[in-house]
PDB file of N, CA and C in Angstrom:
ATOM      1  N   MET A   1       0.547  -1.249   0.147  1.00  0.00           N
ATOM      2  CA  MET A   1       0.040  -0.008  -0.122  1.00  0.00           C
ATOM      3  C   MET A   1       0.540   1.194   0.337  1.00  0.00           C
ATOM      4  N   LEU A   2       0.570   1.990  -0.958  1.00  0.00           N
ATOM      5  CA  LEU A   2       1.387   3.166  -0.592  1.00  0.00           C
ATOM      6  C   LEU A   2       0.364   4.403  -0.018  1.00  0.00           C
ATOM      7  N   VAL A   3       0.914   5.271   1.139  1.00  0.00           N
ATOM      8  CA  VAL A   3       0.962   5.791   1.952  1.00  0.00           C
ATOM      9  C   VAL A   3       0.707   7.262   1.464  1.00  0.00           C
ATOM     10  N   LEU A   4       0.158   8.672   1.186  1.00  0.00           N
ATOM     11  CA  LEU A   4       0.684   9.405   0.647  1.00  0.00           C
ATOM     12  C   LEU A   4       0.498  10.381   2.031  1.00  0.00           C
ATOM     13  N   THR A   5       1.024  11.928   1.747  1.00  0.00           N
ATOM     14  CA  THR A   5       0.253  12.851   2.611  1.00  0.00           C
ATOM     15  C   THR A   5      -0.127  14.408   1.739  1.00  0.00           C
ATOM     16  N   ARG A   6      -1.276  14.496   1.972  1.00  0.00           N
ATOM     17  CA  ARG A   6      -1.165  16.058   0.739  1.00  0.00           C
ATOM     18  C   ARG A   6      -2.081  16.176   2.007  1.00  0.00           C
ATOM     19  N   LYS A   7      -1.996  18.200   1.637  1.00  0.00           N
ATOM     20  CA  LYS A   7      -2.941  18.985   1.759  1.00  0.00           C
ATOM     21  C   LYS A   7      -4.054  19.430   1.359  1.00  0.00           C
ATOM     22  N   ARG A   8      -4.558  20.000   1.952  1.00  0.00           N
ATOM     23  CA  ARG A   8      -5.508  20.836   0.691  1.00  0.00           C
ATOM     24  C   ARG A   8      -5.655  21.300  -0.577  1.00  0.00           C
ATOM     25  N   ASP A   9      -6.502  21.073  -1.255  1.00  0.00           N
ATOM     26  CA  ASP A   9      -5.968  21.041  -2.596  1.00  0.00           C
ATOM     27  C   ASP A   9      -4.872  20.567  -3.021  1.00  0.00           C
ATOM     28  N   GLY A  10      -4.456  19.559  -2.598  1.00  0.00           N
ATOM     29  CA  GLY A  10      -3.476  18.422  -3.204  1.00  0.00           C
ATOM     30  C   GLY A  10      -3.992  17.819  -3.970  1.00  0.00           C
ATOM     31  N   VAL A  11      -3.592  17.116  -4.966  1.00  0.00           N
ATOM     32  CA  VAL A  11      -3.517  16.375  -6.232  1.00  0.00           C
ATOM     33  C   VAL A  11      -3.299  14.675  -5.934  1.00  0.00           C
ATOM     34  N   ILE A  12      -3.338  13.884  -6.482  1.00  0.00           N
ATOM     35  CA  ILE A  12      -3.084  12.872  -6.544  1.00  0.00           C
ATOM     36  C   ILE A  12      -3.401  11.888  -7.723  1.00  0.00           C
ATOM     37  N   ARG A  13      -2.685  11.485  -8.886  1.00  0.00           N
ATOM     38  CA  ARG A  13      -2.897  11.155 -10.284  1.00  0.00           C
ATOM     39  C   ARG A  13      -2.465   9.642 -10.090  1.00  0.00           C
ATOM     40  N   ILE A  14      -3.589   8.666 -10.422  1.00  0.00           N
ATOM     41  CA  ILE A  14      -3.652   7.269 -11.079  1.00  0.00           C
ATOM     42  C   ILE A  14      -3.582   6.491 -12.425  1.00  0.00           C
ATOM     43  N   GLY A  15      -2.567   6.366 -12.712  1.00  0.00           N
ATOM     44  CA  GLY A  15      -2.379   6.479 -14.434  1.00  0.00           C
ATOM     45  C   GLY A  15      -2.769   7.683 -15.194  1.00  0.00           C
ATOM     46  N   GLU A  16      -3.299   7.971 -16.223  1.00  0.00           N
ATOM     47  CA  GLU A  16      -3.391   8.881 -16.497  1.00  0.00           C
ATOM     48  C   GLU A  16      -4.892   9.601 -16.450  1.00  0.00           C
ATOM     49  N   ASN A  17      -5.948   8.721 -16.718  1.00  0.00           N
ATOM     50  CA  ASN A  17      -7.688   9.617 -16.363  1.00  0.00           C
ATOM     51  C   ASN A  17      -7.892   9.321 -15.100  1.00  0.00           C
ATOM     52  N   ILE A  18      -7.467   9.002 -13.713  1.00  0.00           N
ATOM     53  CA  ILE A  18      -7.639   9.368 -12.768  1.00  0.00           C
ATOM     54  C   ILE A  18      -7.220  10.025 -11.464  1.00  0.00           C
ATOM     55  N   VAL A  19      -7.651  11.131 -11.186  1.00  0.00           N
ATOM     56  CA  VAL A  19      -7.765  12.608 -10.355  1.00  0.00           C
ATOM     57  C   VAL A  19      -7.952  12.475  -8.851  1.00  0.00           C
ATOM     58  N   ILE A  20      -7.335  12.067  -8.024  1.00  0.00           N
ATOM     59  CA  ILE A  20      -7.931  12.340  -6.800  1.00  0.00           C
ATOM     60  C   ILE A  20      -7.499  13.621  -5.967  1.00  0.00           C
ATOM     61  N   ARG A  21      -8.603  14.568  -5.698  1.00  0.00           N
ATOM     62  CA  ARG A  21      -8.634  16.017  -5.337  1.00  0.00           C
ATOM     63  C   ARG A  21      -8.691  16.249  -3.485  1.00  0.00           C
ATOM     64  N   VAL A  22      -7.915  16.267  -2.730  1.00  0.00           N
ATOM     65  CA  VAL A  22      -8.418  16.978  -1.874  1.00  0.00           C
ATOM     66  C   VAL A  22      -9.414  18.583  -1.592  1.00  0.00           C
ATOM     67  N   ILE A  23     -10.015  18.241  -1.318  1.00  0.00           N
ATOM     68  CA  ILE A  23     -11.102  19.413  -1.142  1.00  0.00           C
ATOM     69  C   ILE A  23     -11.171  19.897   0.320  1.00  0.00           C
ATOM     70  N   ARG A  24     -11.493  19.463   1.282  1.00  0.00           N
ATOM     71  CA  ARG A  24     -11.276  20.246   2.774  1.00  0.00           C
ATOM     72  C   ARG A  24     -10.911  18.977   3.255  1.00  0.00           C
ATOM     73  N   THR A  25     -10.124  19.605   4.368  1.00  0.00           N
ATOM     74  CA  THR A  25      -9.860  18.454   5.853  1.00  0.00           C
ATOM     75  C   THR A  25     -10.168  19.090   7.165  1.00  0.00           C
ATOM     76  N   GLY A  26     -10.822  18.460   8.003  1.00  0.00           N
ATOM     77  CA  GLY A  26     -11.339  18.310   8.986  1.00  0.00           C
ATOM     78  C   GLY A  26     -10.831  17.535  10.242  1.00  0.00           C
ATOM     79  N   LYS A  27     -11.315  17.905  11.677  1.00  0.00           N
ATOM     80  CA  LYS A  27     -10.676  17.274  12.706  1.00  0.00           C
ATOM     81  C   LYS A  27     -10.574  15.292  12.309  1.00  0.00           C
ATOM     82  N   SER A  28     -11.964  15.154  11.786  1.00  0.00           N
ATOM     83  CA  SER A  28     -11.845  14.019  11.941  1.00  0.00           C
ATOM     84  C   SER A  28     -11.929  12.862  10.630  1.00  0.00           C
ATOM     85  N   SER A  29     -12.279  14.389  10.031  1.00  0.00           N
ATOM     86  CA  SER A  29     -12.757  13.838   8.458  1.00  0.00           C
ATOM     87  C   SER A  29     -11.860  14.398   7.012  1.00  0.00           C
ATOM     88  N   VAL A  30     -11.665  13.564   5.825  1.00  0.00           N
ATOM     89  CA  VAL A  30     -11.093  14.515   5.070  1.00  0.00           C
ATOM     90  C   VAL A  30     -12.076  14.318   3.554  1.00  0.00           C
ATOM     91  N   LYS A  31     -12.334  15.322   3.136  1.00  0.00           N
ATOM     92  CA  LYS A  31     -13.442  15.417   1.627  1.00  0.00           C
ATOM     93  C   LYS A  31     -12.547  15.580   0.376  1.00  0.00           C
ATOM     94  N   ILE A  32     -12.826  14.267  -0.342  1.00  0.00           N
ATOM     95  CA  ILE A  32     -11.867  14.275  -1.447  1.00  0.00           C
ATOM     96  C   ILE A  32     -12.853  14.454  -2.558  1.00  0.00           C
ATOM     97  N   GLY A  33     -12.383  14.325  -3.651  1.00  0.00           N
ATOM     98  CA  GLY A  33     -12.682  14.084  -4.672  1.00  0.00           C
ATOM     99  C   GLY A  33     -12.272  13.865  -5.979  1.00  0.00           C
ATOM    100  N   VAL A  34     -12.974  12.847  -6.534  1.00  0.00           N
ATOM    101  CA  VAL A  34     -12.674  11.502  -7.909  1.00  0.00           C
ATOM    102  C   VAL A  34     -13.288  12.175  -8.512  1.00  0.00           C
ATOM    103  N   GLU A  35     -12.042  12.499  -9.827  1.00  0.00           N
ATOM    104  CA  GLU A  35     -12.469  12.104 -11.015  1.00  0.00           C
ATOM    105  C   GLU A  35     -11.551  11.101 -11.947  1.00  0.00           C
ATOM    106  N   ALA A  36     -12.863  10.533 -12.727  1.00  0.00           N
ATOM    107  CA  ALA A  36     -12.240   9.257 -13.310  1.00  0.00           C
ATOM    108  C   ALA A  36     -13.431   9.539 -14.904  1.00  0.00           C
ATOM    109  N   PRO A  37     -13.047   8.750 -15.999  1.00  0.00           N
ATOM    110  CA  PRO A  37     -13.662   8.376 -16.648  1.00  0.00           C
ATOM    111  C   PRO A  37     -15.050   7.387 -16.545  1.00  0.00           C
ATOM    112  N   ALA A  38     -15.902   7.794 -17.198  1.00  0.00           N
ATOM    113  CA  ALA A  38     -16.924   7.111 -16.988  1.00  0.00           C
ATOM    114  C   ALA A  38     -17.312   5.752 -16.897  1.00  0.00           C
ATOM    115  N   ASN A  39     -16.231   4.788 -17.447  1.00  0.00           N
ATOM    116  CA  ASN A  39     -16.348   3.094 -17.603  1.00  0.00           C
ATOM    117  C   ASN A  39     -15.453   3.124 -16.276  1.00  0.00           C
ATOM    118  N   VAL A  40     -15.166   3.592 -14.939  1.00  0.00           N
ATOM    119  CA  VAL A  40     -14.206   3.902 -14.102  1.00  0.00           C
ATOM    120  C   VAL A  40     -15.466   3.648 -12.656  1.00  0.00           C
ATOM    121  N   ARG A  41     -15.967   2.545 -12.231  1.00  0.00           N
ATOM    122  CA  ARG A  41     -17.019   2.580 -11.527  1.00  0.00           C
ATOM    123  C   ARG A  41     -16.380   3.190  -9.708  1.00  0.00           C
ATOM    124  N   VAL A  42     -16.324   3.886  -9.367  1.00  0.00           N
ATOM    125  CA  VAL A  42     -16.094   4.638  -8.040  1.00  0.00           C
ATOM    126  C   VAL A  42     -17.343   4.870  -7.105  1.00  0.00           C
ATOM    127  N   VAL A  43     -17.098   3.895  -5.962  1.00  0.00           N
ATOM    128  CA  VAL A  43     -18.062   3.530  -4.828  1.00  0.00           C
ATOM    129  C   VAL A  43     -16.935   3.831  -3.713  1.00  0.00           C
ATOM    130  N   ARG A  44     -17.904   3.986  -2.092  1.00  0.00           N
ATOM    131  CA  ARG A  44     -17.309   4.268  -0.910  1.00  0.00           C
ATOM    132  C   ARG A  44     -16.964   2.692  -0.883  1.00  0.00           C
ATOM    133  N   GLY A  45     -16.292   2.479  -0.112  1.00  0.00           N
ATOM    134  CA  GLY A  45     -15.335   0.831   0.569  1.00  0.00           C
ATOM    135  C   GLY A  45     -16.887   0.409   1.566  1.00  0.00           C
ATOM    136  N   GLU A  46     -17.392   1.382   2.071  1.00  0.00           N
ATOM    137  CA  GLU A  46     -18.279   0.316   2.663  1.00  0.00           C
ATOM    138  C   GLU A  46     -19.859   0.097   2.030  1.00  0.00           C
ATOM    139  N   LEU A  47     -19.769   0.727   0.547  1.00  0.00           N
ATOM    140  CA  LEU A  47     -20.502   0.425  -0.138  1.00  0.00           C
ATOM    141  C   LEU A  47     -20.317  -0.525  -0.739  1.00  0.00           C
ATOM    142  N   SER A  48     -19.098  -1.464  -1.018  1.00  0.00           N
ATOM    143  CA  SER A  48     -18.397  -2.649  -1.640  1.00  0.00           C
ATOM    144  C   SER A  48     -19.167  -3.999  -1.750  1.00  0.00           C
ATOM    145  N   PRO A  49     -19.624  -4.210  -0.083  1.00  0.00           N
ATOM    146  CA  PRO A  49     -19.906  -5.709  -0.486  1.00  0.00           C
ATOM    147  C   PRO A  49     -21.071  -5.174  -0.434  1.00  0.00           C
ATOM    148  N   LEU A  50     -21.825  -4.310  -0.679  1.00  0.00           N
ATOM    149  CA  LEU A  50     -23.167  -4.396  -1.218  1.00  0.00           C
ATOM    150  C   LEU A  50     -23.649  -4.891  -2.546  1.00  0.00           C
ATOM    151  N   LEU A  51     -22.406  -4.616  -3.366  1.00  0.00           N
ATOM    152  CA  LEU A  51     -22.373  -4.693  -5.085  1.00  0.00           C
ATOM    153  C   LEU A  51     -22.725  -6.548  -5.081  1.00  0.00           C
ATOM    154  N   VAL A  52     -23.487  -6.723  -6.085  1.00  0.00           N
ATOM    155  CA  VAL A  52     -23.810  -8.033  -6.249  1.00  0.00           C
ATOM    156  C   VAL A  52     -23.270  -7.919  -7.991  1.00  0.00           C
ATOM    157  N   HIS A  53     -22.692  -8.989  -8.328  1.00  0.00           N
ATOM    158  CA  HIS A  53     -22.717  -9.090  -9.971  1.00  0.00           C
ATOM    159  C   HIS A  53     -23.589  -9.419 -10.274  1.00  0.00           C
ATOM    160  N   THR A  54     -23.900  -8.413 -11.221  1.00  0.00           N
ATOM    161  CA  THR A  54     -25.649  -9.317 -11.904  1.00  0.00           C
ATOM    162  C   THR A  54     -25.226 -10.311 -13.187  1.00  0.00           C
ATOM    163  N   SER A  55     -23.941  -9.833 -13.687  1.00  0.00           N
ATOM    164  CA  SER A  55     -23.542 -10.831 -14.639  1.00  0.00           C
ATOM    165  C   SER A  55     -22.175 -11.084 -14.841  1.00  0.00           C
ATOM    166  N   ASP A  56     -21.687 -12.225 -15.183  1.00  0.00           N
ATOM    167  CA  ASP A  56     -19.748 -12.861 -15.112  1.00  0.00           C
ATOM    168  C   ASP A  56     -18.945 -12.279 -15.355  1.00  0.00           C
ATOM    169  N   VAL A  57     -18.134 -11.858 -14.393  1.00  0.00           N
ATOM    170  CA  VAL A  57     -17.016 -11.308 -15.232  1.00  0.00           C
ATOM    171  C   VAL A  57     -16.631 -11.426 -16.050  1.00  0.00           C
ATOM    172  N   ALA A  58     -16.153 -12.765 -15.826  1.00  0.00           N
ATOM    173  CA  ALA A  58     -15.486 -13.467 -16.949  1.00  0.00           C
ATOM    174  C   ALA A  58     -15.791 -13.395 -18.500  1.00  0.00           C
ATOM    175  N   ASP A  59     -17.352 -13.175 -18.686  1.00  0.00           N
ATOM    176  CA  ASP A  59     -17.787 -13.415 -19.943  1.00  0.00           C
ATOM    177  C   ASP A  59     -17.656 -11.454 -20.326  1.00  0.00           C
ATOM    178  N   ALA A  60     -17.580 -10.591 -19.605  1.00  0.00           N
ATOM    179  CA  ALA A  60     -17.145  -9.124 -19.869  1.00  0.00           C
ATOM    180  C   ALA A  60     -15.953  -9.047 -20.951  1.00  0.00           C
ATOM    181  N   ALA A  61     -15.911  -7.928 -21.706  1.00  0.00           N
ATOM    182  CA  ALA A  61     -14.734  -7.649 -22.777  1.00  0.00           C
ATOM    183  C   ALA A  61     -14.047  -7.119 -21.279  1.00  0.00           C
ATOM    184  N   HIS A  62     -14.497  -6.358 -20.384  1.00  0.00           N
ATOM    185  CA  HIS A  62     -13.399  -5.939 -19.104  1.00  0.00           C
ATOM    186  C   HIS A  62     -13.792  -5.890 -18.247  1.00  0.00           C
ATOM    187  N   PRO A  63     -13.548  -5.787 -17.154  1.00  0.00           N
ATOM    188  CA  PRO A  63     -14.383  -6.003 -15.520  1.00  0.00           C
ATOM    189  C   PRO A  63     -14.867  -4.940 -15.508  1.00  0.00           C
ATOM    190  N   ALA A  64     -14.842  -3.700 -15.922  1.00  0.00           N
ATOM    191  CA  ALA A  64     -15.725  -2.600 -14.953  1.00  0.00           C
ATOM    192  C   ALA A  64     -17.192  -3.337 -16.192  1.00  0.00           C
ATOM    193  N   ASP A  65     -16.943  -3.694 -17.630  1.00  0.00           N
ATOM    194  CA  ASP A  65     -18.397  -3.774 -18.073  1.00  0.00           C
ATOM    195  C   ASP A  65     -19.313  -4.340 -17.354  1.00  0.00           C
ATOM    196  N   ALA A  66     -18.848  -5.573 -17.085  1.00  0.00           N
ATOM    197  CA  ALA A  66     -19.840  -6.148 -15.782  1.00  0.00           C
ATOM    198  C   ALA A  66     -20.812  -5.316 -15.195  1.00  0.00           C
ATOM    199  N   GLU A  67     -22.061  -5.494 -15.576  1.00  0.00           N
ATOM    200  CA  GLU A  67     -23.462  -4.689 -14.624  1.00  0.00           C
ATOM    201  C   GLU A  67     -23.364  -5.449 -12.847  1.00  0.00           C
ATOM    202  N   LEU A  68     -23.169  -3.911 -11.981  1.00  0.00           N
ATOM    203  CA  LEU A  68     -23.212  -4.695 -10.780  1.00  0.00           C
ATOM    204  C   LEU A  68     -24.939  -3.784 -10.095  1.00  0.00           C
ATOM    205  N   GLU A  69     -25.230  -4.314  -9.596  1.00  0.00           N
ATOM    206  CA  GLU A  69     -26.596  -3.937  -8.691  1.00  0.00           C
ATOM    207  C   GLU A  69     -26.577  -4.062  -7.504  1.00  0.00           C
ATOM    208  N   LEU A  70     -27.420  -2.748  -6.806  1.00  0.00           N
ATOM    209  CA  LEU A  70     -26.552  -2.561  -5.644  1.00  0.00           C
ATOM    210  C   LEU A  70     -28.038  -3.151  -4.505  1.00  0.00           C
ATOM    211  N   ILE A  71     -27.831  -4.062  -3.509  1.00  0.00           N
ATOM    212  CA  ILE A  71     -28.603  -5.002  -2.405  1.00  0.00           C
ATOM    213  C   ILE A  71     -29.759  -4.060  -1.978  1.00  0.00           C
ATOM    214  N   HIS A  72     -30.172  -3.670  -1.889  1.00  0.00           N
ATOM    215  CA  HIS A  72     -31.007  -2.822  -0.464  1.00  0.00           C
ATOM    216  C   HIS A  72     -31.598  -3.936   0.446  1.00  0.00           C
ATOM    217  N   HIS A  73     -31.172  -3.407   1.645  1.00  0.00           N
ATOM    218  CA  HIS A  73     -31.821  -4.018   2.708  1.00  0.00           C
ATOM    219  C   HIS A  73     -32.959  -3.651   3.727  1.00  0.00           C
TER     220      HIS A  73
END
C-alpha cells in the first residue's frame, strides 16, 4: 500500500485518467473528489460489499463492463 500525505487542494494521479483531489480537511474527516472516466466505477468502501455481479465478470470484455446491482436491505 502506498501512503501519501496531502494538504488541502493536493492532488494524486492514478494512471492517466484518474485524479484524487483533497477538497477539505477537518478534525476527523477528509473530503476528497475523484475524477475518473465514466467506465470506471467509483464506490465508497462501505458500499462495495453490497454490490453483486449480475453478469459473469469473466464473460465481460473488461471487468468494469460487468453490470453491478446495488442490494437494498
